[in-house]
Protein backbone atom coordinates (compact mmCIF):
# COMPACT_ATOMS: atom_id res chain seq x y z
CA UNK A 1 0.00 0.00 0.00
CA UNK A 2 1.42 3.37 -1.03
CA UNK A 3 1.65 6.15 1.57
CA UNK A 4 -0.50 9.06 0.43
CA UNK A 5 0.45 11.44 3.23
CA UNK A 6 2.68 14.49 3.20
CA UNK A 7 4.56 15.53 6.34
CA UNK A 8 6.22 18.86 7.06
CA UNK A 9 7.39 20.80 10.07
CA UNK A 10 7.09 24.14 8.25
CA UNK A 11 4.12 26.02 9.69
CA UNK A 12 3.89 28.47 6.77
CA UNK A 13 3.74 25.67 4.19
CA UNK A 14 1.16 23.96 6.37
CA UNK A 15 -0.97 27.11 6.58
CA UNK A 16 -0.79 27.42 2.80
CA UNK A 17 -1.89 23.80 2.36
CA UNK A 18 -4.82 24.35 4.71
CA UNK A 19 -5.74 27.48 2.78
CA UNK A 20 -5.68 25.42 -0.42
CA UNK A 21 -8.18 23.02 1.24
CA UNK A 22 -5.79 20.10 1.69
CA UNK A 23 -7.01 17.99 4.63
CA UNK A 24 -4.89 18.11 7.79
CA UNK A 25 -4.77 14.56 9.14
CA UNK A 26 -2.67 15.00 12.26
CA UNK A 27 -0.34 17.21 14.25
CA UNK A 28 2.38 15.18 15.93
CA UNK A 29 4.90 16.57 18.37
CA UNK A 30 8.33 15.02 18.71
CA UNK A 31 10.26 16.75 21.43
CA UNK A 32 10.12 20.45 20.61
CA UNK A 33 9.19 19.91 16.96
CA UNK A 34 5.66 19.70 15.58
CA UNK A 35 5.02 17.81 12.35
CA UNK A 36 1.92 18.43 10.26
CA UNK A 37 0.53 15.49 8.29
CA UNK A 38 -1.70 16.07 5.28
CA UNK A 39 -3.54 13.87 2.82
CA UNK A 40 -3.14 14.15 -0.95
CA UNK A 41 0.65 13.79 -1.06
CA UNK A 42 1.11 14.59 -4.75
CA UNK A 43 -0.97 17.77 -4.50
CA UNK A 44 0.99 18.81 -1.41
CA UNK A 45 4.33 18.26 -3.14
CA UNK A 46 3.26 20.37 -6.12
CA UNK A 47 1.81 23.16 -3.97
CA UNK A 48 4.92 23.15 -1.79
CA UNK A 49 7.14 23.64 -4.85
CA UNK A 50 4.94 26.51 -6.02
CA UNK A 51 5.12 28.04 -2.54
CA UNK A 52 8.92 27.97 -2.41
CA UNK A 53 9.21 29.41 -5.93
CA UNK A 54 6.82 32.23 -4.99
CA UNK A 55 4.16 31.10 -7.44
CA UNK A 56 1.44 29.96 -5.03
CA UNK A 57 -1.30 32.49 -4.44
CA UNK A 58 -3.65 32.30 -1.47
CA UNK A 59 -6.09 34.58 0.26
CA UNK A 60 -4.00 36.49 2.84
CA UNK A 61 -6.75 36.62 5.45
CA UNK A 62 -7.39 32.87 5.21
CA UNK A 63 -3.64 32.16 5.34
CA UNK A 64 -3.27 34.26 8.50
CA UNK A 65 -6.28 32.56 10.09
CA UNK A 66 -4.86 29.12 9.29
CA UNK A 67 -1.52 30.08 10.87
CA UNK A 68 -3.49 30.74 14.06
CA UNK A 69 -5.29 27.41 13.80
CA UNK A 70 -1.96 25.58 13.50
CA UNK A 71 -0.38 27.52 16.36
CA UNK A 72 -3.34 26.58 18.54
CA UNK A 73 -2.78 22.93 17.64
CA UNK A 74 0.92 23.13 18.53
CA UNK A 75 0.48 24.88 21.84
CA UNK A 76 -2.46 22.92 23.17
CA UNK A 77 -1.60 21.59 26.61
CA UNK A 78 -2.25 18.02 25.48
CA UNK A 79 -4.02 15.94 22.86
CA UNK A 80 -1.45 15.78 20.07
CA UNK A 81 -2.80 13.32 17.56
PDB file of N, CA and C in Angstrom:
ATOM      1  N   UNK A   1       0.845  -1.184   0.000  1.00  0.00           N
ATOM      2  CA  UNK A   1       0.000   0.000   0.000  1.00  0.00           C
ATOM      3  C   UNK A   1       0.888   1.245   0.000  1.00  0.00           C
ATOM      4  N   UNK A   2       0.615   2.163  -0.877  1.00  0.00           N
ATOM      5  CA  UNK A   2       1.415   3.370  -1.027  1.00  0.00           C
ATOM      6  C   UNK A   2       0.959   4.440  -0.026  1.00  0.00           C
ATOM      7  N   UNK A   3       1.949   5.086   0.603  1.00  0.00           N
ATOM      8  CA  UNK A   3       1.649   6.149   1.569  1.00  0.00           C
ATOM      9  C   UNK A   3       1.217   7.395   0.810  1.00  0.00           C
ATOM     10  N   UNK A   4       0.025   7.890   1.109  1.00  0.00           N
ATOM     11  CA  UNK A   4      -0.499   9.064   0.427  1.00  0.00           C
ATOM     12  C   UNK A   4      -0.549  10.258   1.376  1.00  0.00           C
ATOM     13  N   UNK A   5       0.414  10.312   2.308  1.00  0.00           N
ATOM     14  CA  UNK A   5       0.449  11.439   3.235  1.00  0.00           C
ATOM     15  C   UNK A   5       1.704  12.267   2.997  1.00  0.00           C
ATOM     16  N   UNK A   6       1.588  13.530   3.336  1.00  0.00           N
ATOM     17  CA  UNK A   6       2.683  14.493   3.201  1.00  0.00           C
ATOM     18  C   UNK A   6       2.947  15.062   4.586  1.00  0.00           C
ATOM     19  N   UNK A   7       4.199  15.033   5.016  1.00  0.00           N
ATOM     20  CA  UNK A   7       4.559  15.533   6.339  1.00  0.00           C
ATOM     21  C   UNK A   7       5.537  16.693   6.198  1.00  0.00           C
ATOM     22  N   UNK A   8       5.324  17.716   7.027  1.00  0.00           N
ATOM     23  CA  UNK A   8       6.224  18.859   7.058  1.00  0.00           C
ATOM     24  C   UNK A   8       6.231  19.444   8.457  1.00  0.00           C
ATOM     25  N   UNK A   9       7.347  20.084   8.799  1.00  0.00           N
ATOM     26  CA  UNK A   9       7.390  20.803  10.068  1.00  0.00           C
ATOM     27  C   UNK A   9       7.305  22.310   9.838  1.00  0.00           C
ATOM     28  N   UNK A  10       7.166  22.714   8.589  1.00  0.00           N
ATOM     29  CA  UNK A  10       7.087  24.136   8.248  1.00  0.00           C
ATOM     30  C   UNK A  10       5.653  24.642   8.423  1.00  0.00           C
ATOM     31  N   UNK A  11       5.471  25.541   9.375  1.00  0.00           N
ATOM     32  CA  UNK A  11       4.125  26.020   9.687  1.00  0.00           C
ATOM     33  C   UNK A  11       3.548  26.882   8.567  1.00  0.00           C
ATOM     34  N   UNK A  12       4.394  27.630   7.860  1.00  0.00           N
ATOM     35  CA  UNK A  12       3.887  28.467   6.766  1.00  0.00           C
ATOM     36  C   UNK A  12       3.407  27.606   5.600  1.00  0.00           C
ATOM     37  N   UNK A  13       4.173  26.593   5.248  1.00  0.00           N
ATOM     38  CA  UNK A  13       3.741  25.671   4.192  1.00  0.00           C
ATOM     39  C   UNK A  13       2.443  24.997   4.615  1.00  0.00           C
ATOM     40  N   UNK A  14       2.361  24.609   5.868  1.00  0.00           N
ATOM     41  CA  UNK A  14       1.156  23.956   6.374  1.00  0.00           C
ATOM     42  C   UNK A  14      -0.054  24.880   6.306  1.00  0.00           C
ATOM     43  N   UNK A  15       0.133  26.144   6.665  1.00  0.00           N
ATOM     44  CA  UNK A  15      -0.971  27.107   6.575  1.00  0.00           C
ATOM     45  C   UNK A  15      -1.406  27.290   5.127  1.00  0.00           C
ATOM     46  N   UNK A  16      -0.447  27.303   4.218  1.00  0.00           N
ATOM     47  CA  UNK A  16      -0.792  27.423   2.803  1.00  0.00           C
ATOM     48  C   UNK A  16      -1.590  26.208   2.338  1.00  0.00           C
ATOM     49  N   UNK A  17      -1.174  25.018   2.751  1.00  0.00           N
ATOM     50  CA  UNK A  17      -1.894  23.802   2.357  1.00  0.00           C
ATOM     51  C   UNK A  17      -3.324  23.815   2.904  1.00  0.00           C
ATOM     52  N   UNK A  18      -3.479  24.237   4.153  1.00  0.00           N
ATOM     53  CA  UNK A  18      -4.825  24.350   4.708  1.00  0.00           C
ATOM     54  C   UNK A  18      -5.662  25.346   3.914  1.00  0.00           C
ATOM     55  N   UNK A  19      -5.040  26.451   3.545  1.00  0.00           N
ATOM     56  CA  UNK A  19      -5.742  27.483   2.781  1.00  0.00           C
ATOM     57  C   UNK A  19      -6.156  26.956   1.412  1.00  0.00           C
ATOM     58  N   UNK A  20      -5.364  26.049   0.864  1.00  0.00           N
ATOM     59  CA  UNK A  20      -5.682  25.421  -0.423  1.00  0.00           C
ATOM     60  C   UNK A  20      -6.626  24.227  -0.262  1.00  0.00           C
ATOM     61  N   UNK A  21      -7.168  24.055   0.957  1.00  0.00           N
ATOM     62  CA  UNK A  21      -8.181  23.023   1.244  1.00  0.00           C
ATOM     63  C   UNK A  21      -7.640  21.597   1.224  1.00  0.00           C
ATOM     64  N   UNK A  22      -6.351  21.436   1.537  1.00  0.00           N
ATOM     65  CA  UNK A  22      -5.786  20.098   1.690  1.00  0.00           C
ATOM     66  C   UNK A  22      -6.096  19.635   3.119  1.00  0.00           C
ATOM     67  N   UNK A  23      -6.610  18.426   3.290  1.00  0.00           N
ATOM     68  CA  UNK A  23      -7.011  17.985   4.631  1.00  0.00           C
ATOM     69  C   UNK A  23      -5.817  17.728   5.561  1.00  0.00           C
ATOM     70  N   UNK A  24      -5.871  18.351   6.731  1.00  0.00           N
ATOM     71  CA  UNK A  24      -4.890  18.105   7.790  1.00  0.00           C
ATOM     72  C   UNK A  24      -5.318  16.840   8.516  1.00  0.00           C
ATOM     73  N   UNK A  25      -4.440  15.844   8.516  1.00  0.00           N
ATOM     74  CA  UNK A  25      -4.772  14.563   9.137  1.00  0.00           C
ATOM     75  C   UNK A  25      -4.338  14.494  10.589  1.00  0.00           C
ATOM     76  N   UNK A  26      -3.188  15.109  10.897  1.00  0.00           N
ATOM     77  CA  UNK A  26      -2.667  15.000  12.259  1.00  0.00           C
ATOM     78  C   UNK A  26      -1.623  16.074  12.505  1.00  0.00           C
ATOM     79  N   UNK A  27      -1.457  16.395  13.784  1.00  0.00           N
ATOM     80  CA  UNK A  27      -0.342  17.209  14.252  1.00  0.00           C
ATOM     81  C   UNK A  27       0.367  16.356  15.289  1.00  0.00           C
ATOM     82  N   UNK A  28       1.628  16.052  15.031  1.00  0.00           N
ATOM     83  CA  UNK A  28       2.382  15.182  15.926  1.00  0.00           C
ATOM     84  C   UNK A  28       3.575  15.954  16.462  1.00  0.00           C
ATOM     85  N   UNK A  29       3.790  15.867  17.754  1.00  0.00           N
ATOM     86  CA  UNK A  29       4.898  16.573  18.373  1.00  0.00           C
ATOM     87  C   UNK A  29       5.948  15.565  18.792  1.00  0.00           C
ATOM     88  N   UNK A  30       7.185  15.828  18.356  1.00  0.00           N
ATOM     89  CA  UNK A  30       8.334  15.015  18.712  1.00  0.00           C
ATOM     90  C   UNK A  30       9.326  15.940  19.399  1.00  0.00           C
ATOM     91  N   UNK A  31       9.413  15.822  20.687  1.00  0.00           N
ATOM     92  CA  UNK A  31      10.264  16.752  21.433  1.00  0.00           C
ATOM     93  C   UNK A  31       9.714  18.164  21.297  1.00  0.00           C
ATOM     94  N   UNK A  32      10.530  19.059  20.800  1.00  0.00           N
ATOM     95  CA  UNK A  32      10.123  20.451  20.609  1.00  0.00           C
ATOM     96  C   UNK A  32       9.633  20.746  19.194  1.00  0.00           C
ATOM     97  N   UNK A  33       9.558  19.722  18.355  1.00  0.00           N
ATOM     98  CA  UNK A  33       9.190  19.913  16.955  1.00  0.00           C
ATOM     99  C   UNK A  33       7.803  19.351  16.681  1.00  0.00           C
ATOM    100  N   UNK A  34       6.994  20.151  15.989  1.00  0.00           N
ATOM    101  CA  UNK A  34       5.661  19.695  15.577  1.00  0.00           C
ATOM    102  C   UNK A  34       5.705  19.355  14.086  1.00  0.00           C
ATOM    103  N   UNK A  35       5.132  18.235  13.740  1.00  0.00           N
ATOM    104  CA  UNK A  35       5.019  17.814  12.351  1.00  0.00           C
ATOM    105  C   UNK A  35       3.546  17.819  11.968  1.00  0.00           C
ATOM    106  N   UNK A  36       3.270  18.351  10.788  1.00  0.00           N
ATOM    107  CA  UNK A  36       1.919  18.426  10.263  1.00  0.00           C
ATOM    108  C   UNK A  36       1.792  17.377   9.173  1.00  0.00           C
ATOM    109  N   UNK A  37       0.740  16.577   9.245  1.00  0.00           N
ATOM    110  CA  UNK A  37       0.533  15.491   8.290  1.00  0.00           C
ATOM    111  C   UNK A  37      -0.743  15.762   7.499  1.00  0.00           C
ATOM    112  N   UNK A  38      -0.596  15.770   6.196  1.00  0.00           N
ATOM    113  CA  UNK A  38      -1.699  16.072   5.279  1.00  0.00           C
ATOM    114  C   UNK A  38      -1.973  14.892   4.361  1.00  0.00           C
ATOM    115  N   UNK A  39      -3.196  14.822   3.866  1.00  0.00           N
ATOM    116  CA  UNK A  39      -3.545  13.868   2.820  1.00  0.00           C
ATOM    117  C   UNK A  39      -3.143  14.443   1.466  1.00  0.00           C
ATOM    118  N   UNK A  40      -3.366  13.693   0.423  1.00  0.00           N
ATOM    119  CA  UNK A  40      -3.137  14.150  -0.951  1.00  0.00           C
ATOM    120  C   UNK A  40      -1.669  14.516  -1.204  1.00  0.00           C
ATOM    121  N   UNK A  41      -0.789  13.570  -0.984  1.00  0.00           N
ATOM    122  CA  UNK A  41       0.654  13.785  -1.059  1.00  0.00           C
ATOM    123  C   UNK A  41       1.108  14.482  -2.345  1.00  0.00           C
ATOM    124  N   UNK A  42       0.651  14.014  -3.487  1.00  0.00           N
ATOM    125  CA  UNK A  42       1.113  14.593  -4.755  1.00  0.00           C
ATOM    126  C   UNK A  42       0.696  16.060  -4.887  1.00  0.00           C
ATOM    127  N   UNK A  43      -0.521  16.377  -4.479  1.00  0.00           N
ATOM    128  CA  UNK A  43      -0.968  17.767  -4.502  1.00  0.00           C
ATOM    129  C   UNK A  43      -0.120  18.616  -3.562  1.00  0.00           C
ATOM    130  N   UNK A  44       0.173  18.080  -2.387  1.00  0.00           N
ATOM    131  CA  UNK A  44       0.992  18.808  -1.409  1.00  0.00           C
ATOM    132  C   UNK A  44       2.392  19.075  -1.946  1.00  0.00           C
ATOM    133  N   UNK A  45       2.985  18.086  -2.590  1.00  0.00           N
ATOM    134  CA  UNK A  45       4.328  18.260  -3.142  1.00  0.00           C
ATOM    135  C   UNK A  45       4.341  19.355  -4.205  1.00  0.00           C
ATOM    136  N   UNK A  46       3.339  19.351  -5.071  1.00  0.00           N
ATOM    137  CA  UNK A  46       3.259  20.368  -6.124  1.00  0.00           C
ATOM    138  C   UNK A  46       3.020  21.761  -5.530  1.00  0.00           C
ATOM    139  N   UNK A  47       2.089  21.869  -4.600  1.00  0.00           N
ATOM    140  CA  UNK A  47       1.814  23.165  -3.970  1.00  0.00           C
ATOM    141  C   UNK A  47       3.011  23.670  -3.186  1.00  0.00           C
ATOM    142  N   UNK A  48       3.723  22.767  -2.539  1.00  0.00           N
ATOM    143  CA  UNK A  48       4.915  23.154  -1.789  1.00  0.00           C
ATOM    144  C   UNK A  48       5.992  23.733  -2.711  1.00  0.00           C
ATOM    145  N   UNK A  49       6.187  23.101  -3.860  1.00  0.00           N
ATOM    146  CA  UNK A  49       7.140  23.635  -4.849  1.00  0.00           C
ATOM    147  C   UNK A  49       6.716  25.028  -5.296  1.00  0.00           C
ATOM    148  N   UNK A  50       5.443  25.199  -5.602  1.00  0.00           N
ATOM    149  CA  UNK A  50       4.939  26.506  -6.019  1.00  0.00           C
ATOM    150  C   UNK A  50       5.158  27.543  -4.913  1.00  0.00           C
ATOM    151  N   UNK A  51       4.921  27.143  -3.673  1.00  0.00           N
ATOM    152  CA  UNK A  51       5.121  28.045  -2.536  1.00  0.00           C
ATOM    153  C   UNK A  51       6.568  28.534  -2.481  1.00  0.00           C
ATOM    154  N   UNK A  52       7.506  27.605  -2.541  1.00  0.00           N
ATOM    155  CA  UNK A  52       8.924  27.972  -2.410  1.00  0.00           C
ATOM    156  C   UNK A  52       9.438  28.765  -3.606  1.00  0.00           C
ATOM    157  N   UNK A  53       8.825  28.609  -4.770  1.00  0.00           N
ATOM    158  CA  UNK A  53       9.211  29.412  -5.935  1.00  0.00           C
ATOM    159  C   UNK A  53       8.462  30.735  -5.993  1.00  0.00           C
ATOM    160  N   UNK A  54       7.566  30.971  -5.038  1.00  0.00           N
ATOM    161  CA  UNK A  54       6.820  32.227  -4.990  1.00  0.00           C
ATOM    162  C   UNK A  54       5.676  32.298  -5.975  1.00  0.00           C
ATOM    163  N   UNK A  55       5.211  31.142  -6.436  1.00  0.00           N
ATOM    164  CA  UNK A  55       4.157  31.097  -7.444  1.00  0.00           C
ATOM    165  C   UNK A  55       2.820  30.577  -6.918  1.00  0.00           C
ATOM    166  N   UNK A  56       2.671  30.472  -5.612  1.00  0.00           N
ATOM    167  CA  UNK A  56       1.435  29.964  -5.027  1.00  0.00           C
ATOM    168  C   UNK A  56       0.668  31.130  -4.417  1.00  0.00           C
ATOM    169  N   UNK A  57      -0.500  31.387  -4.945  1.00  0.00           N
ATOM    170  CA  UNK A  57      -1.303  32.495  -4.443  1.00  0.00           C
ATOM    171  C   UNK A  57      -2.422  31.969  -3.557  1.00  0.00           C
ATOM    172  N   UNK A  58      -2.578  32.641  -2.409  1.00  0.00           N
ATOM    173  CA  UNK A  58      -3.651  32.304  -1.474  1.00  0.00           C
ATOM    174  C   UNK A  58      -4.267  33.591  -0.942  1.00  0.00           C
ATOM    175  N   UNK A  59      -5.442  33.463  -0.381  1.00  0.00           N
ATOM    176  CA  UNK A  59      -6.093  34.584   0.263  1.00  0.00           C
ATOM    177  C   UNK A  59      -5.330  34.892   1.555  1.00  0.00           C
ATOM    178  N   UNK A  60      -4.833  36.121   1.693  1.00  0.00           N
ATOM    179  CA  UNK A  60      -3.995  36.493   2.837  1.00  0.00           C
ATOM    180  C   UNK A  60      -4.723  36.340   4.168  1.00  0.00           C
ATOM    181  N   UNK A  61      -5.984  36.723   4.210  1.00  0.00           N
ATOM    182  CA  UNK A  61      -6.747  36.622   5.452  1.00  0.00           C
ATOM    183  C   UNK A  61      -6.914  35.161   5.865  1.00  0.00           C
ATOM    184  N   UNK A  62      -7.236  34.300   4.920  1.00  0.00           N
ATOM    185  CA  UNK A  62      -7.394  32.871   5.210  1.00  0.00           C
ATOM    186  C   UNK A  62      -6.061  32.251   5.645  1.00  0.00           C
ATOM    187  N   UNK A  63      -4.976  32.649   4.982  1.00  0.00           N
ATOM    188  CA  UNK A  63      -3.645  32.158   5.340  1.00  0.00           C
ATOM    189  C   UNK A  63      -3.322  32.526   6.789  1.00  0.00           C
ATOM    190  N   UNK A  64      -3.549  33.792   7.145  1.00  0.00           N
ATOM    191  CA  UNK A  64      -3.275  34.256   8.502  1.00  0.00           C
ATOM    192  C   UNK A  64      -4.134  33.504   9.520  1.00  0.00           C
ATOM    193  N   UNK A  65      -5.383  33.294   9.202  1.00  0.00           N
ATOM    194  CA  UNK A  65      -6.278  32.555  10.089  1.00  0.00           C
ATOM    195  C   UNK A  65      -5.792  31.118  10.277  1.00  0.00           C
ATOM    196  N   UNK A  66      -5.347  30.495   9.201  1.00  0.00           N
ATOM    197  CA  UNK A  66      -4.862  29.119   9.287  1.00  0.00           C
ATOM    198  C   UNK A  66      -3.558  29.014  10.071  1.00  0.00           C
ATOM    199  N   UNK A  67      -2.716  30.055  10.011  1.00  0.00           N
ATOM    200  CA  UNK A  67      -1.525  30.079  10.872  1.00  0.00           C
ATOM    201  C   UNK A  67      -1.951  30.004  12.336  1.00  0.00           C
ATOM    202  N   UNK A  68      -2.975  30.762  12.692  1.00  0.00           N
ATOM    203  CA  UNK A  68      -3.487  30.738  14.058  1.00  0.00           C
ATOM    204  C   UNK A  68      -4.031  29.384  14.452  1.00  0.00           C
ATOM    205  N   UNK A  69      -4.743  28.750  13.537  1.00  0.00           N
ATOM    206  CA  UNK A  69      -5.288  27.412  13.797  1.00  0.00           C
ATOM    207  C   UNK A  69      -4.150  26.434  14.102  1.00  0.00           C
ATOM    208  N   UNK A  70      -3.091  26.489  13.302  1.00  0.00           N
ATOM    209  CA  UNK A  70      -1.963  25.576  13.500  1.00  0.00           C
ATOM    210  C   UNK A  70      -1.215  25.883  14.794  1.00  0.00           C
ATOM    211  N   UNK A  71      -1.035  27.154  15.098  1.00  0.00           N
ATOM    212  CA  UNK A  71      -0.376  27.522  16.359  1.00  0.00           C
ATOM    213  C   UNK A  71      -1.179  27.011  17.548  1.00  0.00           C
ATOM    214  N   UNK A  72      -2.496  27.114  17.467  1.00  0.00           N
ATOM    215  CA  UNK A  72      -3.336  26.583  18.542  1.00  0.00           C
ATOM    216  C   UNK A  72      -3.147  25.077  18.697  1.00  0.00           C
ATOM    217  N   UNK A  73      -3.010  24.374  17.590  1.00  0.00           N
ATOM    218  CA  UNK A  73      -2.781  22.930  17.641  1.00  0.00           C
ATOM    219  C   UNK A  73      -1.446  22.610  18.298  1.00  0.00           C
ATOM    220  N   UNK A  74      -0.415  23.382  17.975  1.00  0.00           N
ATOM    221  CA  UNK A  74       0.917  23.130  18.525  1.00  0.00           C
ATOM    222  C   UNK A  74       0.947  23.367  20.033  1.00  0.00           C
ATOM    223  N   UNK A  75       0.331  24.461  20.458  1.00  0.00           N
ATOM    224  CA  UNK A  75       0.480  24.885  21.842  1.00  0.00           C
ATOM    225  C   UNK A  75      -0.633  24.419  22.775  1.00  0.00           C
ATOM    226  N   UNK A  76      -1.483  23.530  22.279  1.00  0.00           N
ATOM    227  CA  UNK A  76      -2.465  22.923  23.168  1.00  0.00           C
ATOM    228  C   UNK A  76      -1.709  22.200  24.277  1.00  0.00           C
ATOM    229  N   UNK A  77      -2.253  22.218  25.466  1.00  0.00           N
ATOM    230  CA  UNK A  77      -1.602  21.586  26.609  1.00  0.00           C
ATOM    231  C   UNK A  77      -1.379  20.084  26.381  1.00  0.00           C
ATOM    232  N   UNK A  78      -2.332  19.458  25.703  1.00  0.00           N
ATOM    233  CA  UNK A  78      -2.246  18.022  25.481  1.00  0.00           C
ATOM    234  C   UNK A  78      -2.994  17.678  24.212  1.00  0.00           C
ATOM    235  N   UNK A  79      -3.222  16.415  23.991  1.00  0.00           N
ATOM    236  CA  UNK A  79      -4.020  15.938  22.857  1.00  0.00           C
ATOM    237  C   UNK A  79      -3.338  16.111  21.500  1.00  0.00           C
ATOM    238  N   UNK A  80      -2.051  15.863  21.398  1.00  0.00           N
ATOM    239  CA  UNK A  80      -1.454  15.784  20.069  1.00  0.00           C
ATOM    240  C   UNK A  80      -1.887  14.462  19.483  1.00  0.00           C
ATOM    241  N   UNK A  81      -2.270  14.502  18.230  1.00  0.00           N
ATOM    242  CA  UNK A  81      -2.801  13.319  17.559  1.00  0.00           C
ATOM    243  C   UNK A  81      -1.673  12.349  17.306  1.00  0.00           C
TER     244      UNK A  81
END
